[in-house]
């Protein structure tokens, strides 16, 4: 079995800035010469295919998996039908080799994470209060009363440094 690369998550309540931070981290970390893959957990039905396309018609006809391939990219769609959502580890194992896997969502999994918070976001209990895997907080307002490192949500370079250090990857740059 192939050893997985380091995994680090970005978690938080809805509209806390997770997707924007992951997008900016991918750009920052790949710009330093690392290969990054991402996994996004969705709590709702989603579809990357559209009615009327050939691949959609294949799925509608009952295909369990449909691979859509071109000279620029490929996608594999797997219909769960009556199956349970696959375990987190199974999804990670399907990814191509890379230096780092960034996870968006998956609040309850046991990988290390940074929690995002926005001043105008969801009020209530901080996720860090109950999750020892949250290693830091990134917010757009000051966070008092915490022993965790805190970062400005927009300080992507410093957050990237923290994640790379946590994962033992150093701070390689594209020129190296």
C-alpha atoms as a PDB file:
ATOM      1  CA  UNK A   1       0.000   0.000   0.000  1.00  0.00           C
ATOM      2  CA  UNK A   2       1.322   3.420  -0.965  1.00  0.00           C
ATOM      3  CA  UNK A   3       1.953   5.875   1.858  1.00  0.00           C
ATOM      4  CA  UNK A   4      -0.356   8.878   1.675  1.00  0.00           C
ATOM      5  CA  UNK A   5       1.092  12.385   1.556  1.00  0.00           C
ATOM      6  CA  UNK A   6       0.402  14.732   4.466  1.00  0.00           C
ATOM      7  CA  UNK A   7      -3.250  15.716   4.867  1.00  0.00           C
ATOM      8  CA  UNK A   8      -4.347  19.058   6.336  1.00  0.00           C
ATOM      9  CA  UNK A   9      -7.888  20.370   6.548  1.00  0.00           C
ATOM     10  CA  UNK A  10      -9.718  23.666   6.438  1.00  0.00           C
ATOM     11  CA  UNK A  11     -12.923  23.445   8.435  1.00  0.00           C
ATOM     12  CA  UNK A  12     -15.560  25.803   9.757  1.00  0.00           C
ATOM     13  CA  UNK A  13     -19.234  26.549   9.689  1.00  0.00           C
ATOM     14  CA  UNK A  14     -21.035  27.518   6.483  1.00  0.00           C
ATOM     15  CA  UNK A  15     -19.895  30.845   4.994  1.00  0.00           C
ATOM     16  CA  UNK A  16     -16.808  31.030   7.214  1.00  0.00           C
ATOM     17  CA  UNK A  17     -14.386  31.390   4.300  1.00  0.00           C
ATOM     18  CA  UNK A  18     -13.308  27.767   3.808  1.00  0.00           C
ATOM     19  CA  UNK A  19     -13.500  27.619   0.018  1.00  0.00           C
ATOM     20  CA  UNK A  20     -11.802  30.969  -0.493  1.00  0.00           C
ATOM     21  CA  UNK A  21      -8.992  30.008   1.877  1.00  0.00           C
ATOM     22  CA  UNK A  22      -8.475  26.600   0.225  1.00  0.00           C
ATOM     23  CA  UNK A  23      -8.399  28.218  -3.221  1.00  0.00           C
ATOM     24  CA  UNK A  24      -5.853  30.781  -2.075  1.00  0.00           C
ATOM     25  CA  UNK A  25      -3.761  28.130  -0.271  1.00  0.00           C
ATOM     26  CA  UNK A  26      -3.653  25.938  -3.372  1.00  0.00           C
ATOM     27  CA  UNK A  27      -2.432  28.897  -5.432  1.00  0.00           C
ATOM     28  CA  UNK A  28       0.166  29.856  -2.791  1.00  0.00           C
ATOM     29  CA  UNK A  29       1.492  26.352  -2.124  1.00  0.00           C
ATOM     30  CA  UNK A  30       1.609  25.248  -5.778  1.00  0.00           C
ATOM     31  CA  UNK A  31       3.385  28.535  -6.507  1.00  0.00           C
ATOM     32  CA  UNK A  32       6.105  27.329  -4.144  1.00  0.00           C
ATOM     33  CA  UNK A  33       6.647  24.208  -6.224  1.00  0.00           C
ATOM     34  CA  UNK A  34       4.477  21.684  -4.367  1.00  0.00           C
ATOM     35  CA  UNK A  35       1.902  19.394  -5.986  1.00  0.00           C
ATOM     36  CA  UNK A  36      -1.408  19.783  -4.146  1.00  0.00           C
ATOM     37  CA  UNK A  37      -4.615  17.766  -4.379  1.00  0.00           C
ATOM     38  CA  UNK A  38      -7.873  18.709  -2.687  1.00  0.00           C
ATOM     39  CA  UNK A  39     -10.933  16.925  -1.369  1.00  0.00           C
ATOM     40  CA  UNK A  40     -14.158  18.886  -0.818  1.00  0.00           C
ATOM     41  CA  UNK A  41     -16.905  17.326   1.258  1.00  0.00           C
ATOM     42  CA  UNK A  42     -20.403  18.354   0.205  1.00  0.00           C
ATOM     43  CA  UNK A  43     -23.401  17.990   2.523  1.00  0.00           C
ATOM     44  CA  UNK A  44     -25.849  18.350  -0.306  1.00  0.00           C
ATOM     45  CA  UNK A  45     -26.599  16.730  -3.622  1.00  0.00           C
ATOM     46  CA  UNK A  46     -24.251  17.905  -6.326  1.00  0.00           C
ATOM     47  CA  UNK A  47     -23.674  17.052  -9.933  1.00  0.00           C
ATOM     48  CA  UNK A  48     -20.705  17.815 -12.141  1.00  0.00           C
ATOM     49  CA  UNK A  49     -22.619  16.567 -15.150  1.00  0.00           C
ATOM     50  CA  UNK A  50     -25.649  18.048 -16.891  1.00  0.00           C
ATOM     51  CA  UNK A  51     -28.828  16.692 -18.413  1.00  0.00           C
ATOM     52  CA  UNK A  52     -28.479  16.169 -22.124  1.00  0.00           C
ATOM     53  CA  UNK A  53     -24.777  15.296 -22.170  1.00  0.00           C
ATOM     54  CA  UNK A  54     -23.721  11.833 -23.276  1.00  0.00           C
ATOM     55  CA  UNK A  55     -22.090  11.059 -19.922  1.00  0.00           C
ATOM     56  CA  UNK A  56     -25.270  12.101 -18.091  1.00  0.00           C
ATOM     57  CA  UNK A  57     -27.248   9.783 -20.340  1.00  0.00           C
ATOM     58  CA  UNK A  58     -24.859   6.920 -19.484  1.00  0.00           C
ATOM     59  CA  UNK A  59     -25.443   7.463 -15.747  1.00  0.00           C
ATOM     60  CA  UNK A  60     -29.192   7.791 -16.208  1.00  0.00           C
ATOM     61  CA  UNK A  61     -29.162   4.488 -18.086  1.00  0.00           C
ATOM     62  CA  UNK A  62     -27.684   2.838 -14.987  1.00  0.00           C
ATOM     63  CA  UNK A  63     -23.889   2.937 -15.337  1.00  0.00           C
ATOM     64  CA  UNK A  64     -22.215   2.752 -11.932  1.00  0.00           C
ATOM     65  CA  UNK A  65     -19.132   4.631 -13.112  1.00  0.00           C
ATOM     66  CA  UNK A  66     -18.615   6.925 -16.067  1.00  0.00           C
ATOM     67  CA  UNK A  67     -15.169   8.195 -17.032  1.00  0.00           C
ATOM     68  CA  UNK A  68     -15.184  11.400 -19.032  1.00  0.00           C
ATOM     69  CA  UNK A  69     -11.829  11.870 -20.776  1.00  0.00           C
ATOM     70  CA  UNK A  70     -10.339  14.560 -22.997  1.00  0.00           C
ATOM     71  CA  UNK A  71      -6.864  15.751 -23.934  1.00  0.00           C
ATOM     72  CA  UNK A  72      -6.973  18.299 -21.087  1.00  0.00           C
ATOM     73  CA  UNK A  73      -8.541  16.465 -18.110  1.00  0.00           C
ATOM     74  CA  UNK A  74     -10.518  13.456 -16.994  1.00  0.00           C
ATOM     75  CA  UNK A  75     -13.191  12.854 -14.415  1.00  0.00           C
ATOM     76  CA  UNK A  76     -14.582   9.691 -12.932  1.00  0.00           C
ATOM     77  CA  UNK A  77     -18.153   9.867 -11.696  1.00  0.00           C
ATOM     78  CA  UNK A  78     -19.333   7.087  -9.419  1.00  0.00           C
ATOM     79  CA  UNK A  79     -23.026   6.732  -8.661  1.00  0.00           C
ATOM     80  CA  UNK A  80     -23.599   5.576  -5.082  1.00  0.00           C
ATOM     81  CA  UNK A  81     -27.191   4.550  -5.761  1.00  0.00           C
ATOM     82  CA  UNK A  82     -27.992   2.594  -2.556  1.00  0.00           C
ATOM     83  CA  UNK A  83     -24.380   2.497  -1.300  1.00  0.00           C
ATOM     84  CA  UNK A  84     -23.162   4.480   1.702  1.00  0.00           C
ATOM     85  CA  UNK A  85     -20.846   7.436   1.227  1.00  0.00           C
ATOM     86  CA  UNK A  86     -17.314   6.025   0.970  1.00  0.00           C
ATOM     87  CA  UNK A  87     -15.007   6.342   3.968  1.00  0.00           C
ATOM     88  CA  UNK A  88     -12.701   9.358   3.997  1.00  0.00           C
ATOM     89  CA  UNK A  89      -9.607   7.120   3.787  1.00  0.00           C
ATOM     90  CA  UNK A  90     -10.920   5.422   0.634  1.00  0.00           C
ATOM     91  CA  UNK A  91     -11.228   8.776  -1.114  1.00  0.00           C
ATOM     92  CA  UNK A  92      -7.696   9.773  -0.101  1.00  0.00           C
ATOM     93  CA  UNK A  93      -6.338   6.474  -1.421  1.00  0.00           C
ATOM     94  CA  UNK A  94      -7.834   7.174  -4.877  1.00  0.00           C
ATOM     95  CA  UNK A  95      -5.872  10.402  -5.370  1.00  0.00           C
ATOM     96  CA  UNK A  96      -2.805  10.550  -7.609  1.00  0.00           C
ATOM     97  CA  UNK A  97       0.590  11.061  -5.948  1.00  0.00           C
ATOM     98  CA  UNK A  98       1.161  14.589  -4.678  1.00  0.00           C
ATOM     99  CA  UNK A  99       3.018  16.464  -1.914  1.00  0.00           C
ATOM    100  CA  UNK A 100       0.001  17.596   0.125  1.00  0.00           C
ATOM    101  CA  UNK A 101      -3.728  16.932   0.288  1.00  0.00           C
ATOM    102  CA  UNK A 102      -5.865  19.851   1.446  1.00  0.00           C
ATOM    103  CA  UNK A 103      -9.297  18.920   2.760  1.00  0.00           C
ATOM    104  CA  UNK A 104     -12.303  21.237   2.830  1.00  0.00           C
ATOM    105  CA  UNK A 105     -14.991  20.172   5.240  1.00  0.00           C
ATOM    106  CA  UNK A 106     -14.957  16.759   6.887  1.00  0.00           C
ATOM    107  CA  UNK A 107     -15.313  18.424  10.299  1.00  0.00           C
ATOM    108  CA  UNK A 108     -15.473  15.162  12.233  1.00  0.00           C
ATOM    109  CA  UNK A 109     -12.488  13.361  10.698  1.00  0.00           C
ATOM    110  CA  UNK A 110      -9.253  13.042  12.662  1.00  0.00           C
ATOM    111  CA  UNK A 111      -6.783  14.840  10.384  1.00  0.00           C
ATOM    112  CA  UNK A 112      -5.154  18.122  11.516  1.00  0.00           C
ATOM    113  CA  UNK A 113      -7.163  21.208  10.594  1.00  0.00           C
ATOM    114  CA  UNK A 114      -7.332  24.971  10.708  1.00  0.00           C
ATOM    115  CA  UNK A 115     -10.712  26.469  11.625  1.00  0.00           C
ATOM    116  CA  UNK A 116     -12.018  29.448   9.644  1.00  0.00           C
ATOM    117  CA  UNK A 117     -14.237  32.078  11.227  1.00  0.00           C
ATOM    118  CA  UNK A 118     -15.864  35.272   9.977  1.00  0.00           C
ATOM    119  CA  UNK A 119     -17.158  38.049  12.177  1.00  0.00           C
ATOM    120  CA  UNK A 120     -20.511  37.986  10.380  1.00  0.00           C
ATOM    121  CA  UNK A 121     -20.610  34.176  10.185  1.00  0.00           C
ATOM    122  CA  UNK A 122     -22.448  31.586  12.244  1.00  0.00           C
ATOM    123  CA  UNK A 123     -22.629  32.355  15.918  1.00  0.00           C
ATOM    124  CA  UNK A 124     -22.279  29.558  18.383  1.00  0.00           C
ATOM    125  CA  UNK A 125     -19.745  27.119  19.602  1.00  0.00           C
ATOM    126  CA  UNK A 126     -16.320  27.219  18.039  1.00  0.00           C
ATOM    127  CA  UNK A 127     -15.303  23.919  16.486  1.00  0.00           C
ATOM    128  CA  UNK A 128     -11.908  24.148  18.204  1.00  0.00           C
ATOM    129  CA  UNK A 129     -13.638  23.807  21.572  1.00  0.00           C
ATOM    130  CA  UNK A 130     -14.380  20.125  20.884  1.00  0.00           C
ATOM    131  CA  UNK A 131     -11.792  19.082  18.286  1.00  0.00           C
ATOM    132  CA  UNK A 132      -8.189  18.558  19.399  1.00  0.00           C
ATOM    133  CA  UNK A 133      -7.216  18.160  15.726  1.00  0.00           C
ATOM    134  CA  UNK A 134      -7.817  21.867  15.132  1.00  0.00           C
ATOM    135  CA  UNK A 135      -4.281  23.244  15.261  1.00  0.00           C
ATOM    136  CA  UNK A 136      -5.001  26.923  14.529  1.00  0.00           C
ATOM    137  CA  UNK A 137      -7.716  29.456  13.790  1.00  0.00           C
ATOM    138  CA  UNK A 138      -7.907  31.827  10.809  1.00  0.00           C
ATOM    139  CA  UNK A 139     -10.396  34.652  11.263  1.00  0.00           C
ATOM    140  CA  UNK A 140     -11.262  38.128  10.045  1.00  0.00           C
ATOM    141  CA  UNK A 141     -11.494  39.395  13.642  1.00  0.00           C
ATOM    142  CA  UNK A 142      -9.364  39.016  16.777  1.00  0.00           C
ATOM    143  CA  UNK A 143      -9.783  35.712  18.649  1.00  0.00           C
ATOM    144  CA  UNK A 144      -9.355  36.158  22.404  1.00  0.00           C
ATOM    145  CA  UNK A 145      -9.029  33.397  24.976  1.00  0.00           C
ATOM    146  CA  UNK A 146      -7.352  30.672  22.946  1.00  0.00           C
ATOM    147  CA  UNK A 147      -4.051  28.880  23.235  1.00  0.00           C
ATOM    148  CA  UNK A 148      -4.127  28.032  19.533  1.00  0.00           C
ATOM    149  CA  UNK A 149      -2.149  30.024  16.978  1.00  0.00           C
ATOM    150  CA  UNK A 150      -4.407  32.551  15.261  1.00  0.00           C
ATOM    151  CA  UNK A 151      -4.018  34.066  11.825  1.00  0.00           C
ATOM    152  CA  UNK A 152      -5.688  36.789   9.828  1.00  0.00           C
ATOM    153  CA  UNK A 153      -7.926  34.960   7.358  1.00  0.00           C
ATOM    154  CA  UNK A 154      -6.329  36.946   4.514  1.00  0.00           C
ATOM    155  CA  UNK A 155      -2.700  36.242   5.505  1.00  0.00           C
ATOM    156  CA  UNK A 156      -2.455  33.279   3.158  1.00  0.00           C
ATOM    157  CA  UNK A 157       1.342  33.207   2.996  1.00  0.00           C
ATOM    158  CA  UNK A 158       1.689  32.865   6.774  1.00  0.00           C
ATOM    159  CA  UNK A 159      -1.110  30.270   6.927  1.00  0.00           C
ATOM    160  CA  UNK A 160       0.644  28.313   4.153  1.00  0.00           C
ATOM    161  CA  UNK A 161       3.918  28.471   6.122  1.00  0.00           C
ATOM    162  CA  UNK A 162       2.103  27.098   9.181  1.00  0.00           C
ATOM    163  CA  UNK A 163       0.489  24.229   7.244  1.00  0.00           C
ATOM    164  CA  UNK A 164       3.710  23.277   5.485  1.00  0.00           C
ATOM    165  CA  UNK A 165       5.571  23.325   8.825  1.00  0.00           C
ATOM    166  CA  UNK A 166       2.841  21.207  10.459  1.00  0.00           C
ATOM    167  CA  UNK A 167       3.150  18.701   7.611  1.00  0.00           C
ATOM    168  CA  UNK A 168       6.945  18.621   7.709  1.00  0.00           C
ATOM    169  CA  UNK A 169       7.244  19.947   4.168  1.00  0.00           C
ATOM    170  CA  UNK A 170       9.404  23.019   4.678  1.00  0.00           C
ATOM    171  CA  UNK A 171       8.912  26.105   2.546  1.00  0.00           C
ATOM    172  CA  UNK A 172      10.150  25.106  -0.903  1.00  0.00           C
ATOM    173  CA  UNK A 173       9.841  27.712  -3.639  1.00  0.00           C
ATOM    174  CA  UNK A 174       9.267  27.173  -7.347  1.00  0.00           C
ATOM    175  CA  UNK A 175      12.799  28.374  -8.168  1.00  0.00           C
ATOM    176  CA  UNK A 176      14.346  25.603  -6.055  1.00  0.00           C
END
